[in-house]
All heavy atoms as atom14 arrays in JSON, in Angstrom:
{
  "sequence": "GDGRVALHMTAPPGAQAHLVASAPKHFFVPPYVGPRGWIGVN",
  "atom14_mask": [
    [1, 1, 1, 1, 0, 0, 0, 0, 0, 0, 0, 0, 0, 0],
    [1, 1, 1, 1, 1, 1, 1, 1, 0, 0, 0, 0, 0, 0],
    [1, 1, 1, 1, 0, 0, 0, 0, 0, 0, 0, 0, 0, 0],
    [1, 1, 1, 1, 1, 1, 1, 1, 1, 1, 1, 0, 0, 0],
    [1, 1, 1, 1, 1, 1, 1, 0, 0, 0, 0, 0, 0, 0],
    [1, 1, 1, 1, 1, 0, 0, 0, 0, 0, 0, 0, 0, 0],
    [1, 1, 1, 1, 1, 1, 1, 1, 0, 0, 0, 0, 0, 0],
    [1, 1, 1, 1, 1, 1, 1, 1, 1, 1, 0, 0, 0, 0],
    [1, 1, 1, 1, 1, 1, 1, 1, 0, 0, 0, 0, 0, 0],
    [1, 1, 1, 1, 1, 1, 1, 0, 0, 0, 0, 0, 0, 0],
    [1, 1, 1, 1, 1, 0, 0, 0, 0, 0, 0, 0, 0, 0],
    [1, 1, 1, 1, 1, 1, 1, 0, 0, 0, 0, 0, 0, 0],
    [1, 1, 1, 1, 1, 1, 1, 0, 0, 0, 0, 0, 0, 0],
    [1, 1, 1, 1, 0, 0, 0, 0, 0, 0, 0, 0, 0, 0],
    [1, 1, 1, 1, 1, 0, 0, 0, 0, 0, 0, 0, 0, 0],
    [1, 1, 1, 1, 1, 1, 1, 1, 1, 0, 0, 0, 0, 0],
    [1, 1, 1, 1, 1, 0, 0, 0, 0, 0, 0, 0, 0, 0],
    [1, 1, 1, 1, 1, 1, 1, 1, 1, 1, 0, 0, 0, 0],
    [1, 1, 1, 1, 1, 1, 1, 1, 0, 0, 0, 0, 0, 0],
    [1, 1, 1, 1, 1, 1, 1, 0, 0, 0, 0, 0, 0, 0],
    [1, 1, 1, 1, 1, 0, 0, 0, 0, 0, 0, 0, 0, 0],
    [1, 1, 1, 1, 1, 1, 0, 0, 0, 0, 0, 0, 0, 0],
    [1, 1, 1, 1, 1, 0, 0, 0, 0, 0, 0, 0, 0, 0],
    [1, 1, 1, 1, 1, 1, 1, 0, 0, 0, 0, 0, 0, 0],
    [1, 1, 1, 1, 1, 1, 1, 1, 1, 0, 0, 0, 0, 0],
    [1, 1, 1, 1, 1, 1, 1, 1, 1, 1, 0, 0, 0, 0],
    [1, 1, 1, 1, 1, 1, 1, 1, 1, 1, 1, 0, 0, 0],
    [1, 1, 1, 1, 1, 1, 1, 1, 1, 1, 1, 0, 0, 0],
    [1, 1, 1, 1, 1, 1, 1, 0, 0, 0, 0, 0, 0, 0],
    [1, 1, 1, 1, 1, 1, 1, 0, 0, 0, 0, 0, 0, 0],
    [1, 1, 1, 1, 1, 1, 1, 0, 0, 0, 0, 0, 0, 0],
    [1, 1, 1, 1, 1, 1, 1, 1, 1, 1, 1, 1, 0, 0],
    [1, 1, 1, 1, 1, 1, 1, 0, 0, 0, 0, 0, 0, 0],
    [1, 1, 1, 1, 0, 0, 0, 0, 0, 0, 0, 0, 0, 0],
    [1, 1, 1, 1, 1, 1, 1, 0, 0, 0, 0, 0, 0, 0],
    [1, 1, 1, 1, 1, 1, 1, 1, 1, 1, 1, 0, 0, 0],
    [1, 1, 1, 1, 0, 0, 0, 0, 0, 0, 0, 0, 0, 0],
    [1, 1, 1, 1, 1, 1, 1, 1, 1, 1, 1, 1, 1, 1],
    [1, 1, 1, 1, 1, 1, 1, 1, 0, 0, 0, 0, 0, 0],
    [1, 1, 1, 1, 0, 0, 0, 0, 0, 0, 0, 0, 0, 0],
    [1, 1, 1, 1, 1, 1, 1, 0, 0, 0, 0, 0, 0, 0],
    [1, 1, 1, 1, 1, 1, 1, 1, 0, 0, 0, 0, 0, 0]
  ],
  "atom14_positions": [
    [[137.58, 149.46, 86.67], [137.07, 150.75, 86.2], [137.99, 151.51, 85.24], [137.97, 152.77, 85.12], [0.0, 0.0, 0.0], [0.0, 0.0, 0.0], [0.0, 0.0, 0.0], [0.0, 0.0, 0.0], [0.0, 0.0, 0.0], [0.0, 0.0, 0.0], [0.0, 0.0, 0.0], [0.0, 0.0, 0.0], [0.0, 0.0, 0.0], [0.0, 0.0, 0.0]],
    [[138.83, 150.78, 84.4], [139.73, 151.36, 83.53], [139.14, 151.85, 82.22], [139.74, 152.47, 81.37], [141.0, 150.5, 83.2], [140.64, 149.26, 82.5], [139.48, 148.97, 82.15], [141.55, 148.44, 82.42], [0.0, 0.0, 0.0], [0.0, 0.0, 0.0], [0.0, 0.0, 0.0], [0.0, 0.0, 0.0], [0.0, 0.0, 0.0], [0.0, 0.0, 0.0]],
    [[137.84, 151.39, 81.97], [137.13, 151.8, 80.73], [137.54, 151.08, 79.5], [137.11, 151.46, 78.43], [0.0, 0.0, 0.0], [0.0, 0.0, 0.0], [0.0, 0.0, 0.0], [0.0, 0.0, 0.0], [0.0, 0.0, 0.0], [0.0, 0.0, 0.0], [0.0, 0.0, 0.0], [0.0, 0.0, 0.0], [0.0, 0.0, 0.0], [0.0, 0.0, 0.0]],
    [[138.41, 150.03, 79.69], [138.85, 149.28, 78.52], [137.98, 148.09, 78.14], [137.49, 147.45, 79.06], [140.37, 148.92, 78.72], [141.37, 149.96, 78.84], [142.69, 149.36, 79.16], [143.72, 150.34, 79.49], [144.49, 151.03, 78.74], [144.3, 150.85, 77.35], [145.41, 151.85, 79.04], [0.0, 0.0, 0.0], [0.0, 0.0, 0.0], [0.0, 0.0, 0.0]],
    [[137.95, 147.76, 76.9], [137.51, 146.48, 76.35], [138.69, 145.79, 75.75], [139.26, 146.31, 74.78], [136.37, 146.61, 75.43], [135.88, 145.24, 74.94], [135.28, 147.44, 75.94], [0.0, 0.0, 0.0], [0.0, 0.0, 0.0], [0.0, 0.0, 0.0], [0.0, 0.0, 0.0], [0.0, 0.0, 0.0], [0.0, 0.0, 0.0], [0.0, 0.0, 0.0]],
    [[139.26, 144.73, 76.49], [140.61, 144.32, 76.02], [140.75, 142.79, 76.07], [140.04, 142.07, 76.89], [141.59, 145.11, 76.87], [0.0, 0.0, 0.0], [0.0, 0.0, 0.0], [0.0, 0.0, 0.0], [0.0, 0.0, 0.0], [0.0, 0.0, 0.0], [0.0, 0.0, 0.0], [0.0, 0.0, 0.0], [0.0, 0.0, 0.0], [0.0, 0.0, 0.0]],
    [[141.81, 142.37, 75.46], [142.45, 141.0, 75.67], [143.75, 141.22, 76.38], [144.59, 142.02, 75.87], [142.56, 140.22, 74.4], [141.33, 139.45, 73.91], [141.57, 138.85, 72.45], [140.84, 138.36, 74.8], [0.0, 0.0, 0.0], [0.0, 0.0, 0.0], [0.0, 0.0, 0.0], [0.0, 0.0, 0.0], [0.0, 0.0, 0.0], [0.0, 0.0, 0.0]],
    [[143.98, 140.44, 77.4], [145.22, 140.4, 78.01], [145.9, 138.99, 77.56], [145.25, 138.06, 77.84], [145.25, 140.49, 79.59], [144.56, 141.72, 80.18], [144.38, 141.82, 81.47], [144.22, 142.85, 79.54], [143.84, 143.08, 81.7], [143.79, 143.7, 80.48], [0.0, 0.0, 0.0], [0.0, 0.0, 0.0], [0.0, 0.0, 0.0], [0.0, 0.0, 0.0]],
    [[147.09, 139.12, 76.96], [147.62, 137.93, 76.35], [149.06, 137.76, 76.63], [149.81, 138.73, 76.74], [147.43, 137.91, 74.87], [145.93, 137.87, 74.4], [145.67, 137.7, 72.62], [146.04, 139.36, 72.11], [0.0, 0.0, 0.0], [0.0, 0.0, 0.0], [0.0, 0.0, 0.0], [0.0, 0.0, 0.0], [0.0, 0.0, 0.0], [0.0, 0.0, 0.0]],
    [[149.43, 136.47, 76.87], [150.79, 136.24, 76.97], [151.55, 136.62, 75.73], [151.03, 136.48, 74.61], [151.12, 134.74, 77.41], [152.47, 134.63, 77.67], [150.73, 133.86, 76.4], [0.0, 0.0, 0.0], [0.0, 0.0, 0.0], [0.0, 0.0, 0.0], [0.0, 0.0, 0.0], [0.0, 0.0, 0.0], [0.0, 0.0, 0.0], [0.0, 0.0, 0.0]],
    [[152.84, 137.0, 75.79], [153.51, 137.42, 74.59], [155.01, 137.12, 74.63], [155.59, 136.86, 75.74], [153.47, 139.02, 74.46], [0.0, 0.0, 0.0], [0.0, 0.0, 0.0], [0.0, 0.0, 0.0], [0.0, 0.0, 0.0], [0.0, 0.0, 0.0], [0.0, 0.0, 0.0], [0.0, 0.0, 0.0], [0.0, 0.0, 0.0], [0.0, 0.0, 0.0]],
    [[155.73, 137.08, 73.52], [157.05, 136.74, 73.55], [157.99, 137.78, 74.25], [157.54, 138.94, 74.43], [157.52, 136.64, 72.05], [156.26, 136.55, 71.34], [155.15, 137.23, 72.18], [0.0, 0.0, 0.0], [0.0, 0.0, 0.0], [0.0, 0.0, 0.0], [0.0, 0.0, 0.0], [0.0, 0.0, 0.0], [0.0, 0.0, 0.0], [0.0, 0.0, 0.0]],
    [[159.11, 137.46, 74.78], [160.01, 138.49, 75.44], [160.36, 139.6, 74.52], [160.66, 139.49, 73.37], [161.26, 137.68, 75.75], [160.91, 136.25, 75.82], [159.76, 136.04, 74.77], [0.0, 0.0, 0.0], [0.0, 0.0, 0.0], [0.0, 0.0, 0.0], [0.0, 0.0, 0.0], [0.0, 0.0, 0.0], [0.0, 0.0, 0.0], [0.0, 0.0, 0.0]],
    [[160.19, 140.81, 75.07], [160.38, 142.09, 74.31], [159.26, 142.63, 73.55], [159.28, 143.74, 73.05], [0.0, 0.0, 0.0], [0.0, 0.0, 0.0], [0.0, 0.0, 0.0], [0.0, 0.0, 0.0], [0.0, 0.0, 0.0], [0.0, 0.0, 0.0], [0.0, 0.0, 0.0], [0.0, 0.0, 0.0], [0.0, 0.0, 0.0], [0.0, 0.0, 0.0]],
    [[158.13, 141.75, 73.3], [157.03, 142.21, 72.47], [156.32, 143.26, 73.19], [155.84, 144.32, 72.46], [156.16, 140.97, 72.24], [0.0, 0.0, 0.0], [0.0, 0.0, 0.0], [0.0, 0.0, 0.0], [0.0, 0.0, 0.0], [0.0, 0.0, 0.0], [0.0, 0.0, 0.0], [0.0, 0.0, 0.0], [0.0, 0.0, 0.0], [0.0, 0.0, 0.0]],
    [[156.1, 143.12, 74.49], [155.36, 144.21, 75.24], [155.86, 145.52, 75.01], [155.12, 146.57, 74.73], [155.28, 143.84, 76.73], [154.43, 144.83, 77.5], [154.76, 144.68, 79.08], [155.7, 145.18, 79.65], [154.0, 143.74, 79.7], [0.0, 0.0, 0.0], [0.0, 0.0, 0.0], [0.0, 0.0, 0.0], [0.0, 0.0, 0.0], [0.0, 0.0, 0.0]],
    [[157.18, 145.76, 75.28], [157.73, 147.13, 75.19], [157.64, 147.59, 73.78], [157.41, 148.81, 73.53], [159.23, 146.91, 75.62], [0.0, 0.0, 0.0], [0.0, 0.0, 0.0], [0.0, 0.0, 0.0], [0.0, 0.0, 0.0], [0.0, 0.0, 0.0], [0.0, 0.0, 0.0], [0.0, 0.0, 0.0], [0.0, 0.0, 0.0], [0.0, 0.0, 0.0]],
    [[157.94, 146.73, 72.85], [157.86, 147.19, 71.42], [156.5, 147.62, 70.97], [156.3, 148.66, 70.3], [158.36, 145.95, 70.45], [158.14, 146.32, 68.96], [158.74, 147.2, 68.3], [157.21, 145.74, 68.12], [158.44, 147.31, 67.04], [157.39, 146.4, 66.85], [0.0, 0.0, 0.0], [0.0, 0.0, 0.0], [0.0, 0.0, 0.0], [0.0, 0.0, 0.0]],
    [[155.4, 146.78, 71.33], [154.08, 147.12, 70.95], [153.57, 148.45, 71.51], [152.91, 149.22, 70.91], [153.17, 145.99, 71.25], [153.45, 144.65, 70.39], [152.66, 143.5, 70.91], [153.1, 145.02, 68.91], [0.0, 0.0, 0.0], [0.0, 0.0, 0.0], [0.0, 0.0, 0.0], [0.0, 0.0, 0.0], [0.0, 0.0, 0.0], [0.0, 0.0, 0.0]],
    [[153.81, 148.51, 72.91], [153.25, 149.64, 73.62], [154.0, 150.89, 73.13], [153.26, 151.92, 72.95], [153.52, 149.5, 75.04], [153.16, 150.75, 75.95], [152.71, 148.33, 75.64], [0.0, 0.0, 0.0], [0.0, 0.0, 0.0], [0.0, 0.0, 0.0], [0.0, 0.0, 0.0], [0.0, 0.0, 0.0], [0.0, 0.0, 0.0], [0.0, 0.0, 0.0]],
    [[155.23, 150.88, 72.82], [155.94, 152.06, 72.3], [155.51, 152.44, 70.83], [155.38, 153.57, 70.49], [157.5, 151.83, 72.31], [0.0, 0.0, 0.0], [0.0, 0.0, 0.0], [0.0, 0.0, 0.0], [0.0, 0.0, 0.0], [0.0, 0.0, 0.0], [0.0, 0.0, 0.0], [0.0, 0.0, 0.0], [0.0, 0.0, 0.0], [0.0, 0.0, 0.0]],
    [[155.28, 151.39, 70.09], [155.01, 151.72, 68.64], [153.47, 151.93, 68.4], [153.19, 152.72, 67.48], [155.29, 150.44, 67.74], [154.67, 149.3, 68.22], [0.0, 0.0, 0.0], [0.0, 0.0, 0.0], [0.0, 0.0, 0.0], [0.0, 0.0, 0.0], [0.0, 0.0, 0.0], [0.0, 0.0, 0.0], [0.0, 0.0, 0.0], [0.0, 0.0, 0.0]],
    [[152.6, 151.47, 69.26], [151.15, 151.74, 69.03], [150.38, 151.87, 70.29], [149.62, 150.92, 70.7], [150.57, 150.64, 68.12], [0.0, 0.0, 0.0], [0.0, 0.0, 0.0], [0.0, 0.0, 0.0], [0.0, 0.0, 0.0], [0.0, 0.0, 0.0], [0.0, 0.0, 0.0], [0.0, 0.0, 0.0], [0.0, 0.0, 0.0], [0.0, 0.0, 0.0]],
    [[150.64, 152.91, 71.19], [149.97, 152.94, 72.34], [148.51, 153.06, 72.42], [147.74, 152.84, 73.38], [150.63, 154.21, 72.97], [151.11, 155.02, 71.79], [151.49, 153.98, 70.88], [0.0, 0.0, 0.0], [0.0, 0.0, 0.0], [0.0, 0.0, 0.0], [0.0, 0.0, 0.0], [0.0, 0.0, 0.0], [0.0, 0.0, 0.0], [0.0, 0.0, 0.0]],
    [[147.97, 153.38, 71.2], [146.47, 153.42, 71.09], [146.02, 152.06, 71.15], [144.76, 151.86, 71.74], [146.07, 154.06, 69.72], [144.62, 154.09, 69.42], [144.27, 154.67, 68.05], [142.87, 154.57, 67.78], [142.5, 155.12, 66.31], [0.0, 0.0, 0.0], [0.0, 0.0, 0.0], [0.0, 0.0, 0.0], [0.0, 0.0, 0.0], [0.0, 0.0, 0.0]],
    [[146.69, 151.08, 70.65], [146.11, 149.73, 70.67], [146.67, 148.78, 71.73], [145.99, 147.86, 72.1], [146.54, 149.05, 69.34], [145.87, 149.76, 68.11], [144.59, 150.15, 68.06], [146.42, 150.33, 66.93], [144.28, 150.74, 67.0], [145.5, 150.82, 66.3], [0.0, 0.0, 0.0], [0.0, 0.0, 0.0], [0.0, 0.0, 0.0], [0.0, 0.0, 0.0]],
    [[147.79, 149.15, 72.32], [148.45, 148.23, 73.35], [148.76, 148.91, 74.56], [149.11, 150.09, 74.62], [149.76, 147.65, 72.65], [149.5, 146.98, 71.31], [149.86, 147.53, 70.08], [148.99, 145.67, 71.35], [149.64, 146.86, 68.91], [148.8, 145.0, 70.15], [149.09, 145.6, 68.91], [0.0, 0.0, 0.0], [0.0, 0.0, 0.0], [0.0, 0.0, 0.0]],
    [[148.85, 148.15, 75.72], [149.13, 148.72, 77.0], [149.7, 147.62, 77.86], [149.58, 146.38, 77.52], [147.91, 149.46, 77.53], [146.81, 148.48, 77.86], [146.69, 147.75, 79.08], [145.86, 148.1, 76.79], [145.51, 146.96, 79.24], [144.8, 147.22, 77.17], [144.63, 146.63, 78.28], [0.0, 0.0, 0.0], [0.0, 0.0, 0.0], [0.0, 0.0, 0.0]],
    [[150.27, 147.91, 79.02], [150.73, 146.96, 79.88], [149.56, 146.68, 80.83], [149.09, 147.57, 81.68], [151.98, 147.58, 80.77], [152.41, 146.53, 81.73], [153.1, 147.96, 79.8], [0.0, 0.0, 0.0], [0.0, 0.0, 0.0], [0.0, 0.0, 0.0], [0.0, 0.0, 0.0], [0.0, 0.0, 0.0], [0.0, 0.0, 0.0], [0.0, 0.0, 0.0]],
    [[149.21, 145.44, 80.9], [148.02, 145.18, 81.71], [148.44, 144.85, 83.25], [149.56, 144.62, 83.54], [147.5, 143.75, 81.13], [148.74, 143.18, 80.6], [149.6, 144.34, 80.17], [0.0, 0.0, 0.0], [0.0, 0.0, 0.0], [0.0, 0.0, 0.0], [0.0, 0.0, 0.0], [0.0, 0.0, 0.0], [0.0, 0.0, 0.0], [0.0, 0.0, 0.0]],
    [[147.46, 145.17, 84.16], [147.73, 144.91, 85.51], [147.96, 143.39, 85.79], [147.61, 142.55, 85.12], [146.45, 145.44, 86.26], [145.33, 145.3, 85.19], [146.02, 145.52, 83.83], [0.0, 0.0, 0.0], [0.0, 0.0, 0.0], [0.0, 0.0, 0.0], [0.0, 0.0, 0.0], [0.0, 0.0, 0.0], [0.0, 0.0, 0.0], [0.0, 0.0, 0.0]],
    [[148.74, 143.2, 86.9], [149.04, 141.96, 87.45], [149.96, 141.1, 86.58], [150.96, 140.69, 87.01], [147.71, 141.02, 87.73], [146.75, 141.9, 88.54], [145.42, 142.13, 88.11], [147.07, 142.19, 89.98], [144.58, 142.95, 89.02], [146.28, 142.82, 90.71], [145.02, 143.19, 90.34], [144.1, 143.9, 91.01], [0.0, 0.0, 0.0], [0.0, 0.0, 0.0]],
    [[149.44, 140.87, 85.33], [150.41, 140.08, 84.47], [151.3, 140.73, 83.55], [152.27, 140.23, 82.9], [149.31, 139.14, 83.44], [148.66, 138.13, 84.23], [148.43, 140.09, 82.69], [0.0, 0.0, 0.0], [0.0, 0.0, 0.0], [0.0, 0.0, 0.0], [0.0, 0.0, 0.0], [0.0, 0.0, 0.0], [0.0, 0.0, 0.0], [0.0, 0.0, 0.0]],
    [[151.26, 142.11, 83.66], [152.16, 142.95, 82.9], [153.64, 142.81, 83.24], [154.44, 142.66, 82.29], [0.0, 0.0, 0.0], [0.0, 0.0, 0.0], [0.0, 0.0, 0.0], [0.0, 0.0, 0.0], [0.0, 0.0, 0.0], [0.0, 0.0, 0.0], [0.0, 0.0, 0.0], [0.0, 0.0, 0.0], [0.0, 0.0, 0.0], [0.0, 0.0, 0.0]],
    [[153.92, 142.62, 84.54], [155.4, 142.38, 84.92], [155.92, 141.06, 84.37], [157.11, 140.86, 84.28], [155.36, 142.35, 86.4], [154.17, 143.25, 86.75], [153.2, 142.95, 85.66], [0.0, 0.0, 0.0], [0.0, 0.0, 0.0], [0.0, 0.0, 0.0], [0.0, 0.0, 0.0], [0.0, 0.0, 0.0], [0.0, 0.0, 0.0], [0.0, 0.0, 0.0]],
    [[155.03, 140.19, 83.85], [155.51, 138.85, 83.27], [155.6, 138.94, 81.76], [155.87, 137.98, 81.04], [154.56, 137.79, 83.65], [154.56, 137.37, 85.19], [153.26, 136.69, 85.72], [152.81, 135.66, 84.77], [151.65, 135.2, 84.87], [150.77, 135.58, 85.86], [151.24, 134.19, 84.06], [0.0, 0.0, 0.0], [0.0, 0.0, 0.0], [0.0, 0.0, 0.0]],
    [[155.53, 140.15, 81.26], [155.58, 140.39, 79.77], [154.32, 140.3, 78.93], [154.28, 140.39, 77.7], [0.0, 0.0, 0.0], [0.0, 0.0, 0.0], [0.0, 0.0, 0.0], [0.0, 0.0, 0.0], [0.0, 0.0, 0.0], [0.0, 0.0, 0.0], [0.0, 0.0, 0.0], [0.0, 0.0, 0.0], [0.0, 0.0, 0.0], [0.0, 0.0, 0.0]],
    [[153.17, 140.1, 79.69], [151.97, 140.13, 78.87], [151.53, 141.41, 78.26], [152.08, 142.36, 78.8], [150.75, 139.63, 79.85], [150.81, 138.2, 80.25], [151.87, 137.5, 80.68], [149.7, 137.24, 80.24], [151.47, 136.11, 81.01], [150.15, 136.01, 80.69], [148.39, 137.5, 79.85], [149.33, 134.96, 80.77], [147.46, 136.34, 79.91], [147.97, 135.19, 80.38]],
    [[150.71, 141.35, 77.22], [150.33, 142.56, 76.5], [148.91, 142.65, 76.63], [148.05, 141.74, 76.59], [150.76, 142.49, 75.03], [150.64, 143.83, 74.32], [150.03, 141.32, 74.28], [151.55, 144.9, 74.9], [0.0, 0.0, 0.0], [0.0, 0.0, 0.0], [0.0, 0.0, 0.0], [0.0, 0.0, 0.0], [0.0, 0.0, 0.0], [0.0, 0.0, 0.0]],
    [[148.35, 143.97, 76.82], [147.03, 144.37, 76.65], [146.66, 144.83, 75.42], [147.43, 145.69, 74.82], [0.0, 0.0, 0.0], [0.0, 0.0, 0.0], [0.0, 0.0, 0.0], [0.0, 0.0, 0.0], [0.0, 0.0, 0.0], [0.0, 0.0, 0.0], [0.0, 0.0, 0.0], [0.0, 0.0, 0.0], [0.0, 0.0, 0.0], [0.0, 0.0, 0.0]],
    [[145.6, 144.48, 74.77], [145.15, 144.82, 73.54], [143.77, 145.5, 73.59], [142.8, 144.69, 73.94], [145.2, 143.56, 72.48], [144.82, 144.09, 71.12], [146.49, 142.89, 72.55], [0.0, 0.0, 0.0], [0.0, 0.0, 0.0], [0.0, 0.0, 0.0], [0.0, 0.0, 0.0], [0.0, 0.0, 0.0], [0.0, 0.0, 0.0], [0.0, 0.0, 0.0]],
    [[143.63, 146.72, 73.2], [142.4, 147.38, 73.26], [141.62, 146.86, 72.01], [142.08, 146.98, 70.8], [142.58, 148.94, 73.06], [143.04, 149.5, 74.37], [142.54, 149.22, 75.42], [144.04, 150.47, 74.29], [0.0, 0.0, 0.0], [0.0, 0.0, 0.0], [0.0, 0.0, 0.0], [0.0, 0.0, 0.0], [0.0, 0.0, 0.0], [0.0, 0.0, 0.0]]
  ]
}
């Protein structure tokens, strides 16, 4: 029920924090796989 249309993708170390901080409109921390560094892409 999060309302998103997204890809959850594995990403290099550090990429998640950088992308979410720089472009929160497009990127987010996805559930479950987020703690492993994956990135969510709207």
